[in-house]
Amino acid sequence: MKFPMIIADERGETHFGVQDIPARELAVGPPPNPTGQMSDLGTVTTMSVISFRAGTEAPAHNAPQPYVVIVLSGQGEVVTSDGEARRFRAGELLLCNDLAGKGHVTRAITDLTLAFVNRAKS
């Protein structure tokens, strides 16, 4: 499966990219065991949920460690240092891997609730 991500290049500029994480078929539940596709995002260390009021803006910052942010409700916008802005809505996720560099800005377009799922550093 392909997941949107933020990465920093060798000059410290942050950009949106795509991380392709292999998927495997997985049987779910009792027979007749319907199947789906599962991608393993790695070891999870902690998870937290945070809410922001509409209009909140977090100035440029780096991810303190690799994490997945999942939008639980509302709409947010992320802007990378190269100036690209993308909006994320409930049900969407973003892999944040910009541990160094110029960071990214996060804005709450509406009231926004996010789950931060911290991943172990590889």
Protein backbone atom coordinates (compact mmCIF):
# COMPACT_ATOMS: atom_id res chain seq x y z
CA MET A 1 0.00 0.00 0.00
CA LYS A 2 1.12 3.54 -0.64
CA PHE A 3 1.05 6.06 2.20
CA PRO A 4 1.69 9.82 2.06
CA MET A 5 4.75 10.90 4.02
CA ILE A 6 6.93 13.89 4.89
CA ILE A 7 10.68 13.55 4.36
CA ALA A 8 13.67 15.89 4.54
CA ASP A 9 16.27 15.97 1.78
CA GLU A 10 20.04 16.36 2.21
CA ARG A 11 19.68 20.19 2.29
CA GLY A 12 17.05 20.05 5.03
CA GLU A 13 14.07 20.94 2.83
CA THR A 14 10.97 18.96 3.67
CA HIS A 15 8.76 17.47 0.98
CA PHE A 16 5.73 15.25 0.62
CA GLY A 17 6.48 11.83 -0.75
CA VAL A 18 4.99 8.37 -0.84
CA GLN A 19 6.15 5.33 1.08
CA ASP A 20 5.17 2.02 -0.45
CA ILE A 21 4.83 -0.56 2.33
CA PRO A 22 4.32 -4.09 1.04
CA ALA A 23 0.93 -5.62 1.74
CA ARG A 24 0.08 -9.24 2.31
CA GLU A 25 -3.20 -11.08 2.16
CA LEU A 26 -4.77 -11.67 5.55
CA ALA A 27 -7.74 -13.86 6.45
CA VAL A 28 -10.06 -12.24 9.00
CA GLY A 29 -12.59 -13.84 11.32
CA PRO A 30 -14.11 -17.30 11.39
CA PRO A 31 -14.82 -19.31 8.23
CA PRO A 32 -15.44 -18.52 5.47
CA ASN A 33 -12.55 -16.14 6.43
CA PRO A 34 -12.91 -13.13 4.16
CA THR A 35 -9.52 -11.76 3.13
CA GLY A 36 -8.08 -8.29 3.01
CA GLN A 37 -4.70 -6.65 2.51
CA MET A 38 -2.49 -5.71 5.47
CA SER A 39 0.62 -3.54 5.57
CA ASP A 40 2.87 -3.71 8.63
CA LEU A 41 3.92 -0.20 9.66
CA GLY A 42 6.40 -1.53 12.21
CA THR A 43 6.69 -1.56 15.97
CA VAL A 44 4.49 0.95 17.79
CA THR A 45 5.88 2.46 20.99
CA THR A 46 3.10 4.81 22.17
CA MET A 47 -0.14 6.37 20.98
CA SER A 48 -1.75 9.63 22.01
CA VAL A 49 -4.81 11.58 20.93
CA ILE A 50 -4.83 15.37 20.77
CA SER A 51 -7.50 17.90 19.83
CA PHE A 52 -7.04 21.40 18.39
CA ARG A 53 -9.56 24.17 17.95
CA ALA A 54 -10.11 25.54 14.44
CA GLY A 55 -7.45 28.11 13.58
CA THR A 56 -4.69 26.58 15.71
CA GLU A 57 -1.30 26.65 13.98
CA ALA A 58 1.82 24.78 15.09
CA PRO A 59 4.83 26.66 13.64
CA ALA A 60 7.56 24.82 11.74
CA HIS A 61 8.68 21.77 13.68
CA ASN A 62 10.25 18.38 13.06
CA ALA A 63 8.84 15.02 13.99
CA PRO A 64 10.50 14.12 17.31
CA GLN A 65 10.51 10.48 16.20
CA PRO A 66 8.91 8.59 13.32
CA TYR A 67 5.15 8.60 13.75
CA VAL A 68 1.88 8.09 11.95
CA VAL A 69 -0.76 10.77 12.39
CA ILE A 70 -4.34 9.65 11.79
CA VAL A 71 -7.09 12.25 11.44
CA LEU A 72 -9.95 11.10 13.65
CA SER A 73 -12.22 14.09 13.02
CA GLY A 74 -12.10 17.44 11.28
CA GLN A 75 -9.69 18.78 8.68
CA GLY A 76 -6.06 19.84 9.00
CA GLU A 77 -3.40 21.21 6.69
CA VAL A 78 0.29 20.38 6.61
CA VAL A 79 2.80 22.64 4.82
CA THR A 80 6.31 21.43 4.04
CA SER A 81 9.30 23.79 3.84
CA ASP A 82 9.21 23.65 0.03
CA GLY A 83 5.81 25.41 0.28
CA GLU A 84 3.54 22.52 -0.68
CA ALA A 85 0.32 22.39 1.37
CA ARG A 86 -1.94 19.36 1.66
CA ARG A 87 -5.20 18.96 3.54
CA PHE A 88 -6.06 15.81 5.45
CA ARG A 89 -9.56 14.76 6.55
CA ALA A 90 -11.02 12.20 8.92
CA GLY A 91 -9.82 8.71 8.06
CA GLU A 92 -6.62 9.84 6.33
CA LEU A 93 -3.11 9.34 7.63
CA LEU A 94 0.37 10.77 7.15
CA LEU A 95 3.73 9.17 7.92
CA CYS A 96 6.01 11.79 9.49
CA ASN A 97 9.71 11.07 9.02
CA ASP A 98 11.19 14.59 8.92
CA LEU A 99 13.36 14.08 12.01
CA ALA A 100 15.80 16.79 10.87
CA GLY A 101 15.69 19.74 8.50
CA LYS A 102 13.33 22.69 8.27
CA GLY A 103 10.24 20.83 9.48
CA HIS A 104 6.59 21.30 8.62
CA VAL A 105 3.73 23.56 9.74
CA THR A 106 0.42 22.10 10.90
CA ARG A 107 -2.90 23.99 10.88
CA ALA A 108 -6.35 23.07 12.13
CA ILE A 109 -8.78 24.17 9.41
CA THR A 110 -11.74 22.98 11.51
CA ASP A 111 -11.83 21.61 15.04
CA LEU A 112 -9.42 18.70 14.68
CA THR A 113 -8.72 15.48 16.58
CA LEU A 114 -5.58 13.50 15.73
CA ALA A 115 -4.09 10.22 16.86
CA PHE A 116 -0.29 10.18 17.00
CA VAL A 117 1.06 6.63 16.75
CA ASN A 118 4.79 6.66 17.51
CA ARG A 119 6.89 4.17 15.62
CA ALA A 120 10.18 2.69 16.79
CA LYS A 121 13.21 4.17 15.04
CA SER A 122 14.65 1.74 12.52
